[in-house]
C-alpha atoms as a PDB file:
ATOM      1  CA  MET A   1      81.502 102.579  86.724  1.00  0.00           C
ATOM      2  CA  LEU A   2      82.762  98.934  85.486  1.00  0.00           C
ATOM      3  CA  VAL A   3      81.392  99.812  82.116  1.00  0.00           C
ATOM      4  CA  LEU A   4      83.570 103.100  81.912  1.00  0.00           C
ATOM      5  CA  GLN A   5      86.722 100.944  83.135  1.00  0.00           C
ATOM      6  CA  PHE A   6      86.092  98.619  80.346  1.00  0.00           C
ATOM      7  CA  ALA A   7      86.192 101.320  77.961  1.00  0.00           C
ATOM      8  CA  ASN A   8      89.506 102.904  79.703  1.00  0.00           C
ATOM      9  CA  LEU A   9      90.966  99.480  79.373  1.00  0.00           C
ATOM     10  CA  VAL A  10      90.216  98.957  75.897  1.00  0.00           C
ATOM     11  CA  ARG A  11      91.647 102.249  75.056  1.00  0.00           C
ATOM     12  CA  VAL A  12      94.814 101.332  77.292  1.00  0.00           C
ATOM     13  CA  PHE A  13      95.332  97.977  75.236  1.00  0.00           C
ATOM     14  CA  THR A  14      94.886  99.890  71.932  1.00  0.00           C
ATOM     15  CA  ASN A  15      97.606 101.979  73.271  1.00  0.00           C
ATOM     16  CA  PHE A  16      99.908  99.106  73.925  1.00  0.00           C
ATOM     17  CA  SER A  17      99.111  97.033  70.488  1.00  0.00           C
ATOM     18  CA  ARG A  18     100.205 100.153  68.574  1.00  0.00           C
ATOM     19  CA  ASN A  19     103.407 100.762  70.747  1.00  0.00           C
ATOM     20  CA  HIS A  20     104.484  97.754  73.264  1.00  0.00           C
ATOM     21  CA  SER A  21     107.074 100.332  74.954  1.00  0.00           C
ATOM     22  CA  TYR A  22     106.326 102.986  77.451  1.00  0.00           C
ATOM     23  CA  ARG A  23     107.669 106.632  75.908  1.00  0.00           C
ATOM     24  CA  ALA A  24     109.808 108.736  78.050  1.00  0.00           C
ATOM     25  CA  ALA A  25     108.190 111.375  80.241  1.00  0.00           C
ATOM     26  CA  GLY A  26     111.043 114.138  79.593  1.00  0.00           C
ATOM     27  CA  ALA A  27     114.448 114.899  79.666  1.00  0.00           C
ATOM     28  CA  ALA A  28     115.233 115.873  83.070  1.00  0.00           C
ATOM     29  CA  ASP A  29     114.946 112.380  84.778  1.00  0.00           C
ATOM     30  CA  ALA A  30     115.678 109.249  82.612  1.00  0.00           C
ATOM     31  CA  THR A  31     113.831 107.389  84.751  1.00  0.00           C
ATOM     32  CA  LEU A  32     110.245 108.566  84.309  1.00  0.00           C
ATOM     33  CA  HIS A  33     108.001 107.005  81.814  1.00  0.00           C
ATOM     34  CA  HIS A  34     104.427 107.189  80.435  1.00  0.00           C
ATOM     35  CA  ASN A  35     102.436 104.383  80.623  1.00  0.00           C
ATOM     36  CA  HIS A  36      99.727 103.160  78.223  1.00  0.00           C
ATOM     37  CA  ILE A  37      97.196 104.662  80.605  1.00  0.00           C
ATOM     38  CA  GLY A  38      98.950 108.219  80.367  1.00  0.00           C
ATOM     39  CA  ASN A  39     100.333 108.534  83.641  1.00  0.00           C
ATOM     40  CA  VAL A  40     103.733 108.657  84.706  1.00  0.00           C
ATOM     41  CA  LEU A  41     105.566 106.460  86.603  1.00  0.00           C
ATOM     42  CA  ALA A  42     109.535 105.573  87.270  1.00  0.00           C
ATOM     43  CA  LEU A  43     111.018 102.256  85.444  1.00  0.00           C
ATOM     44  CA  LYS A  44     114.842 100.785  85.497  1.00  0.00           C
ATOM     45  CA  THR A  45     113.954  99.100  82.489  1.00  0.00           C
ATOM     46  CA  GLN A  46     111.311  98.278  79.642  1.00  0.00           C
ATOM     47  CA  PRO A  47     108.684  96.015  80.635  1.00  0.00           C
ATOM     48  CA  ASN A  48     108.611  92.432  78.768  1.00  0.00           C
ATOM     49  CA  PRO A  49     106.069  92.924  76.121  1.00  0.00           C
ATOM     50  CA  TRP A  50     104.989  89.683  76.651  1.00  0.00           C
ATOM     51  CA  LEU A  51     104.364  89.935  80.335  1.00  0.00           C
ATOM     52  CA  LEU A  52     102.568  93.007  79.721  1.00  0.00           C
ATOM     53  CA  SER A  53     100.168  91.845  77.324  1.00  0.00           C
ATOM     54  CA  VAL A  54      99.435  88.833  79.868  1.00  0.00           C
ATOM     55  CA  HIS A  55      98.773  91.758  82.422  1.00  0.00           C
ATOM     56  CA  LEU A  56      96.740  93.780  80.330  1.00  0.00           C
ATOM     57  CA  GLY A  57      95.021  91.283  78.686  1.00  0.00           C
ATOM     58  CA  MET A  58      94.544  90.035  82.127  1.00  0.00           C
ATOM     59  CA  ALA A  59      92.681  93.322  83.351  1.00  0.00           C
ATOM     60  CA  LEU A  60      90.340  93.407  80.126  1.00  0.00           C
ATOM     61  CA  VAL A  61      89.157  89.949  80.724  1.00  0.00           C
ATOM     62  CA  TRP A  62      88.524  90.606  84.665  1.00  0.00           C
ATOM     63  CA  VAL A  63      85.991  93.693  84.546  1.00  0.00           C
ATOM     64  CA  ALA A  64      84.349  92.343  81.370  1.00  0.00           C
ATOM     65  CA  ALA A  65      83.614  88.829  83.117  1.00  0.00           C
ATOM     66  CA  THR A  66      83.164  90.943  86.187  1.00  0.00           C
ATOM     67  CA  LEU A  67      80.136  92.227  84.210  1.00  0.00           C
ATOM     68  CA  VAL A  68      79.006  89.242  82.914  1.00  0.00           C
ATOM     69  CA  GLN A  69      78.728  87.606  86.307  1.00  0.00           C
ATOM     70  CA  LYS A  70      76.664  90.224  87.593  1.00  0.00           C
ATOM     71  CA  ALA A  71      74.609  89.871  84.366  1.00  0.00           C
ATOM     72  CA  LEU A  72      73.907  86.222  84.747  1.00  0.00           C
ATOM     73  CA  ILE A  73      73.096  86.500  88.571  1.00  0.00           C
ATOM     74  CA  ALA A  74      70.474  89.170  87.679  1.00  0.00           C
ATOM     75  CA  LYS A  75      69.251  87.079  84.898  1.00  0.00           C
ATOM     76  CA  ALA A  76      68.749  83.785  87.635  1.00  0.00           C
ATOM     77  CA  ALA A  77      66.797  85.942  89.284  1.00  0.00           C
ATOM     78  CA  ARG A  78      64.711  87.166  87.028  1.00  0.00           C
ATOM     79  CA  LEU A  79      64.060  83.905  85.370  1.00  0.00           C
ATOM     80  CA  ASN A  80      63.375  82.217  89.014  1.00  0.00           C
ATOM     81  CA  GLN A  81      61.105  84.888  90.461  1.00  0.00           C
ATOM     82  CA  ASN A  82      58.956  84.521  87.301  1.00  0.00           C
ATOM     83  CA  ARG A  83      58.903  80.897  87.559  1.00  0.00           C
ATOM     84  CA  ALA A  84      60.621  80.381  84.464  1.00  0.00           C
ATOM     85  CA  PRO A  85      61.629  76.450  83.267  1.00  0.00           C
ATOM     86  CA  HIS A  86      64.023  74.967  85.408  1.00  0.00           C
ATOM     87  CA  ARG A  87      66.577  74.459  82.505  1.00  0.00           C
ATOM     88  CA  LEU A  88      66.714  78.025  81.858  1.00  0.00           C
ATOM     89  CA  THR A  89      67.789  78.844  85.460  1.00  0.00           C
ATOM     90  CA  THR A  90      70.251  75.761  85.132  1.00  0.00           C
ATOM     91  CA  GLU A  91      71.545  77.442  82.264  1.00  0.00           C
ATOM     92  CA  ALA A  92      72.267  80.396  83.419  1.00  0.00           C
ATOM     93  CA  ILE A  93      74.164  79.144  86.098  1.00  0.00           C
ATOM     94  CA  ARG A  94      76.419  76.828  84.372  1.00  0.00           C
ATOM     95  CA  ILE A  95      77.648  79.747  81.985  1.00  0.00           C
ATOM     96  CA  HIS A  96      78.291  81.403  85.136  1.00  0.00           C
ATOM     97  CA  LYS A  97      80.501  78.871  86.670  1.00  0.00           C
ATOM     98  CA  TRP A  98      82.085  78.504  83.290  1.00  0.00           C
ATOM     99  CA  VAL A  99      82.939  82.101  83.417  1.00  0.00           C
ATOM    100  CA  GLY A 100      84.137  82.067  86.890  1.00  0.00           C
ATOM    101  CA  TRP A 101      86.752  79.365  86.079  1.00  0.00           C
ATOM    102  CA  THR A 102      87.991  81.343  83.022  1.00  0.00           C
ATOM    103  CA  LEU A 103      88.466  84.383  85.276  1.00  0.00           C
ATOM    104  CA  SER A 104      90.239  82.965  87.960  1.00  0.00           C
ATOM    105  CA  VAL A 105      92.734  80.986  85.606  1.00  0.00           C
ATOM    106  CA  VAL A 106      92.985  84.171  83.585  1.00  0.00           C
ATOM    107  CA  GLY A 107      92.832  86.401  86.820  1.00  0.00           C
ATOM    108  CA  ILE A 108      95.832  84.318  88.735  1.00  0.00           C
ATOM    109  CA  ALA A 109      98.070  84.067  85.309  1.00  0.00           C
ATOM    110  CA  GLY A 110      97.401  87.858  85.416  1.00  0.00           C
ATOM    111  CA  VAL A 111      98.482  88.673  88.966  1.00  0.00           C
ATOM    112  CA  LEU A 112     101.620  87.028  88.882  1.00  0.00           C
ATOM    113  CA  ALA A 113     102.604  88.226  85.411  1.00  0.00           C
ATOM    114  CA  GLY A 114     102.344  91.673  87.043  1.00  0.00           C
ATOM    115  CA  ALA A 115     104.524  90.643  90.159  1.00  0.00           C
ATOM    116  CA  VAL A 116     107.022  89.840  87.611  1.00  0.00           C
ATOM    117  CA  LEU A 117     106.673  93.403  85.807  1.00  0.00           C
ATOM    118  CA  ALA A 118     107.041  94.916  88.991  1.00  0.00           C
ATOM    119  CA  TYR A 119     110.155  93.046  90.237  1.00  0.00           C
ATOM    120  CA  LEU A 120     111.927  93.502  86.459  1.00  0.00           C
ATOM    121  CA  SER A 121     110.554  97.156  85.928  1.00  0.00           C
ATOM    122  CA  THR A 122     109.435  99.199  88.546  1.00  0.00           C
ATOM    123  CA  GLY A 123     112.324 101.754  89.366  1.00  0.00           C
ATOM    124  CA  TYR A 124     110.893 103.218  92.451  1.00  0.00           C
ATOM    125  CA  GLU A 125     111.688 100.688  95.430  1.00  0.00           C
ATOM    126  CA  PRO A 126     108.447 101.467  97.558  1.00  0.00           C
ATOM    127  CA  MET A 127     106.290 101.269  94.660  1.00  0.00           C
ATOM    128  CA  ARG A 128     108.359  97.754  93.561  1.00  0.00           C
ATOM    129  CA  ARG A 129     107.738  96.724  97.145  1.00  0.00           C
ATOM    130  CA  PHE A 130     103.931  97.695  97.254  1.00  0.00           C
ATOM    131  CA  LEU A 131     103.190  95.759  93.937  1.00  0.00           C
ATOM    132  CA  LEU A 132     105.217  92.882  95.151  1.00  0.00           C
ATOM    133  CA  THR A 133     102.726  92.352  98.215  1.00  0.00           C
ATOM    134  CA  GLN A 134      99.679  92.380  95.532  1.00  0.00           C
ATOM    135  CA  PRO A 135      99.673  88.438  94.984  1.00  0.00           C
ATOM    136  CA  ILE A 136      99.287  88.109  98.711  1.00  0.00           C
ATOM    137  CA  CYS A 137      96.593  90.390  98.457  1.00  0.00           C
ATOM    138  CA  PHE A 138      94.686  89.008  95.248  1.00  0.00           C
ATOM    139  CA  LEU A 139      95.400  85.012  95.388  1.00  0.00           C
ATOM    140  CA  PRO A 140      93.828  84.244  98.524  1.00  0.00           C
ATOM    141  CA  PRO A 141      90.686  85.872  97.674  1.00  0.00           C
ATOM    142  CA  MET A 142      90.737  84.026  94.581  1.00  0.00           C
ATOM    143  CA  VAL A 143      91.243  80.899  95.638  1.00  0.00           C
ATOM    144  CA  MET A 144      88.284  81.211  97.943  1.00  0.00           C
ATOM    145  CA  VAL A 145      86.298  82.108  95.609  1.00  0.00           C
ATOM    146  CA  LEU A 146      86.649  78.518  94.105  1.00  0.00           C
ATOM    147  CA  VAL A 147      86.582  76.710  97.642  1.00  0.00           C
ATOM    148  CA  SER A 148      83.370  79.134  98.628  1.00  0.00           C
ATOM    149  CA  ALA A 149      81.683  77.381  95.263  1.00  0.00           C
ATOM    150  CA  ARG A 150      82.546  74.025  95.626  1.00  0.00           C
ATOM    151  CA  LYS A 151      81.574  73.817  99.595  1.00  0.00           C
ATOM    152  CA  ARG A 152      77.968  72.640  99.797  1.00  0.00           C
ATOM    153  CA  SER A 153      78.357  73.130 103.476  1.00  0.00           C
ATOM    154  CA  TRP A 154      78.691  76.835 102.943  1.00  0.00           C
ATOM    155  CA  SER A 155      76.454  79.526 102.345  1.00  0.00           C
ATOM    156  CA  ILE A 156      76.177  81.303  99.034  1.00  0.00           C
ATOM    157  CA  ARG A 157      76.391  84.501 100.990  1.00  0.00           C
ATOM    158  CA  THR A 158      79.545  83.388 101.730  1.00  0.00           C
ATOM    159  CA  HIS A 159      80.789  82.682  97.958  1.00  0.00           C
ATOM    160  CA  ARG A 160      79.205  85.814  96.826  1.00  0.00           C
ATOM    161  CA  PHE A 161      81.774  87.649 100.019  1.00  0.00           C
ATOM    162  CA  TRP A 162      84.656  86.195  98.518  1.00  0.00           C
ATOM    163  CA  ALA A 163      83.759  86.808  94.706  1.00  0.00           C
ATOM    164  CA  GLN A 164      82.836  90.340  95.322  1.00  0.00           C
ATOM    165  CA  THR A 165      86.665  90.820  97.295  1.00  0.00           C
ATOM    166  CA  ALA A 166      88.690  89.216  94.812  1.00  0.00           C
ATOM    167  CA  TYR A 167      86.763  90.509  91.539  1.00  0.00           C
ATOM    168  CA  LEU A 168      84.590  93.272  91.977  1.00  0.00           C
ATOM    169  CA  GLY A 169      86.683  95.154  94.558  1.00  0.00           C
ATOM    170  CA  PRO A 170      89.547  95.044  92.621  1.00  0.00           C
ATOM    171  CA  ALA A 171      87.651  96.092  89.127  1.00  0.00           C
ATOM    172  CA  LEU A 172      86.905  99.295  90.752  1.00  0.00           C
ATOM    173  CA  ALA A 173      89.865 100.214  93.032  1.00  0.00           C
ATOM    174  CA  THR A 174      91.968  99.898  89.595  1.00  0.00           C
ATOM    175  CA  LEU A 175      89.795 102.906  88.162  1.00  0.00           C
ATOM    176  CA  TRP A 176      90.158 104.994  91.262  1.00  0.00           C
ATOM    177  CA  THR A 177      93.550 104.070  91.256  1.00  0.00           C
ATOM    178  CA  GLU A 178      94.257 105.388  87.625  1.00  0.00           C
ATOM    179  CA  ILE A 179      92.606 108.617  88.218  1.00  0.00           C
ATOM    180  CA  LEU A 180      94.673 109.296  92.144  1.00  0.00           C
ATOM    181  CA  ILE A 181      97.835 108.643  90.472  1.00  0.00           C
ATOM    182  CA  ASN A 182      97.170 111.490  87.937  1.00  0.00           C
ATOM    183  CA  LEU A 183      96.052 113.749  90.435  1.00  0.00           C
ATOM    184  CA  PHE A 184      98.553 113.178  92.925  1.00  0.00           C
ATOM    185  CA  GLY A 185     101.581 112.962  90.777  1.00  0.00           C
ATOM    186  CA  ARG A 186     100.989 116.838  89.476  1.00  0.00           C
ATOM    187  CA  VAL A 187     101.229 117.900  93.029  1.00  0.00           C
ATOM    188  CA  ALA A 188     104.503 119.193  92.971  1.00  0.00           C
ATOM    189  CA  SER A 189     105.862 118.196  96.823  1.00  0.00           C
ATOM    190  CA  ILE A 190     104.518 114.813  95.933  1.00  0.00           C
ATOM    191  CA  GLY A 191     105.929 114.324  92.468  1.00  0.00           C
ATOM    192  CA  PRO A 192     105.163 111.477  89.925  1.00  0.00           C
ATOM    193  CA  ARG A 193     106.932 108.708  92.174  1.00  0.00           C
ATOM    194  CA  GLY A 194     105.017 109.537  95.376  1.00  0.00           C
ATOM    195  CA  GLY A 195     101.655 109.949  93.364  1.00  0.00           C
ATOM    196  CA  ASP A 196     102.355 106.609  91.732  1.00  0.00           C
ATOM    197  CA  LEU A 197     102.603 104.919  95.597  1.00  0.00           C
ATOM    198  CA  LEU A 198      99.947 107.159  97.607  1.00  0.00           C
ATOM    199  CA  GLY A 199      97.654 106.676  94.512  1.00  0.00           C
ATOM    200  CA  SER A 200      97.734 102.808  94.395  1.00  0.00           C
ATOM    201  CA  GLU A 201      97.440 102.808  98.268  1.00  0.00           C
ATOM    202  CA  VAL A 202      94.493 105.188  98.512  1.00  0.00           C
ATOM    203  CA  ALA A 203      92.508 103.215  95.919  1.00  0.00           C
ATOM    204  CA  ALA A 204      93.030 100.113  97.927  1.00  0.00           C
ATOM    205  CA  LEU A 205      91.658 101.390 101.044  1.00  0.00           C
ATOM    206  CA  LEU A 206      88.934 103.000  99.166  1.00  0.00           C
ATOM    207  CA  GLY A 207      88.271  99.270  97.464  1.00  0.00           C
ATOM    208  CA  THR A 208      88.248  97.989 100.809  1.00  0.00           C
ATOM    209  CA  ALA A 209      85.985 100.531 102.546  1.00  0.00           C
ATOM    210  CA  LEU A 210      83.556 100.745  99.789  1.00  0.00           C
ATOM    211  CA  VAL A 211      83.251  97.262  98.775  1.00  0.00           C
ATOM    212  CA  ILE A 212      84.802  94.741 100.644  1.00  0.00           C
ATOM    213  CA  VAL A 213      83.781  96.104 104.321  1.00  0.00           C
ATOM    214  CA  PRO A 214      79.771  96.482 103.268  1.00  0.00           C
ATOM    215  CA  ALA A 215      79.989  93.062 101.485  1.00  0.00           C
ATOM    216  CA  TRP A 216      81.182  91.502 104.726  1.00  0.00           C
ATOM    217  CA  ILE A 217      78.300  93.124 106.416  1.00  0.00           C
ATOM    218  CA  SER A 218      76.144  92.094 103.928  1.00  0.00           C
ATOM    219  CA  ARG A 219      77.119  88.586 104.408  1.00  0.00           C
ATOM    220  CA  ARG A 220      76.709  88.997 108.190  1.00  0.00           C
ATOM    221  CA  ARG A 221      73.278  89.811 107.954  1.00  0.00           C
ATOM    222  CA  GLY A 222      72.468  87.590 105.645  1.00  0.00           C
ATOM    223  CA  LEU A 223      73.551  84.716 107.589  1.00  0.00           C
ATOM    224  CA  ALA A 224      71.850  86.249 110.600  1.00  0.00           C
ATOM    225  CA  ILE A 225      68.507  85.916 108.436  1.00  0.00           C
ATOM    226  CA  ASP A 226      69.297  82.619 106.932  1.00  0.00           C
ATOM    227  CA  ALA A 227      69.943  80.810 110.626  1.00  0.00           C
ATOM    228  CA  LYS A 228      66.212  82.576 111.683  1.00  0.00           C
ATOM    229  CA  THR A 229      64.693  81.044 108.716  1.00  0.00           C
ATOM    230  CA  ALA A 230      66.228  77.434 109.506  1.00  0.00           C
ATOM    231  CA  VAL A 231      64.456  77.460 112.753  1.00  0.00           C
ATOM    232  CA  VAL A 232      61.344  77.197 111.082  1.00  0.00           C
ATOM    233  CA  GLY A 233      62.612  74.524 108.959  1.00  0.00           C
ATOM    234  CA  VAL A 234      64.066  75.800 105.592  1.00  0.00           C
ATOM    235  CA  PRO A 235      67.872  75.029 104.823  1.00  0.00           C
ATOM    236  CA  PRO A 236      70.157  77.724 104.073  1.00  0.00           C
ATOM    237  CA  LEU A 237      71.240  77.799 100.341  1.00  0.00           C
ATOM    238  CA  ALA A 238      74.791  76.402  99.460  1.00  0.00           C
ATOM    239  CA  ALA A 239      77.236  77.939  97.079  1.00  0.00           C
ATOM    240  CA  SER A 240      76.797  75.070  95.058  1.00  0.00           C
ATOM    241  CA  ASP A 241      73.371  74.198  94.012  1.00  0.00           C
ATOM    242  CA  VAL A 242      71.938  75.077  91.206  1.00  0.00           C
ATOM    243  CA  ASP A 243      68.421  75.682  92.243  1.00  0.00           C
ATOM    244  CA  LEU A 244      68.942  79.199  93.688  1.00  0.00           C
ATOM    245  CA  THR A 245      66.179  80.468  95.778  1.00  0.00           C
ATOM    246  CA  SER A 246      64.932  84.295  94.822  1.00  0.00           C
ATOM    247  CA  ALA A 247      65.702  85.479  98.240  1.00  0.00           C
ATOM    248  CA  ALA A 248      69.410  84.723  97.942  1.00  0.00           C
ATOM    249  CA  LEU A 249      69.836  85.838  94.211  1.00  0.00           C
ATOM    250  CA  ASP A 250      67.732  89.335  95.587  1.00  0.00           C
ATOM    251  CA  VAL A 251      70.458  89.924  97.838  1.00  0.00           C
ATOM    252  CA  SER A 252      73.072  89.302  94.868  1.00  0.00           C
ATOM    253  CA  VAL A 253      71.316  91.592  92.523  1.00  0.00           C
ATOM    254  CA  ALA A 254      71.138  94.374  95.081  1.00  0.00           C
ATOM    255  CA  VAL A 255      74.272  94.215  96.019  1.00  0.00           C
ATOM    256  CA  GLY A 256      75.185  94.486  91.853  1.00  0.00           C
ATOM    257  CA  ARG A 257      73.160  97.740  91.731  1.00  0.00           C
ATOM    258  CA  SER A 258      74.958  99.224  94.492  1.00  0.00           C
ATOM    259  CA  SER A 259      78.228  99.264  92.431  1.00  0.00           C
END
């Protein structure tokens, strides 16, 4: 599903590079425009092309980096299970950290650019209010990814939960958002404006139910397993540890496969 969204975002960015403006959806309502995805939304002004390039570029990097991170964790798990030289596992984790920092910086910039775009350009006030709340939803989990990665006293399961909440959930939800906006917008009783808002809200609920809640349950179960293991003298794994154990990595890979 992430690969599908990445291909879709390449298409969107290609459309943007050809024409930075949103084209009018029809003469009946001058505020309605087609965005670069192809969905119809209400505008009060054309979006700033520089801010839009930052926001779209962020989305592309977001999904690509999420795919890379999943691959790196799977690689580290295989290396550890095969008892490969320690330096190979360390190298995979080093790249994982570098990609994580890059994703955090690009992600924060893109989320803030999206909020400014919503404030300046969105022409449907309920949708505008919804979009302006997004930094509150996105930025705290993104910060917690960094905090949990640095806290040696915290389990790696906590870091994985925040990573899935901050990055995997939104990466999948954006694809669902685009599909639902298109479907709801075609319903006459809802219309493009209502479809834009309803599709975004339903996709946010799906992301919470299908990614964040299972990730939280997995974390709780994993911490319970770690507590039992600690009783027999094996300390739980910290997020900042480089020498990742196969047990912790196996859980990460299993969660990754489910998405």
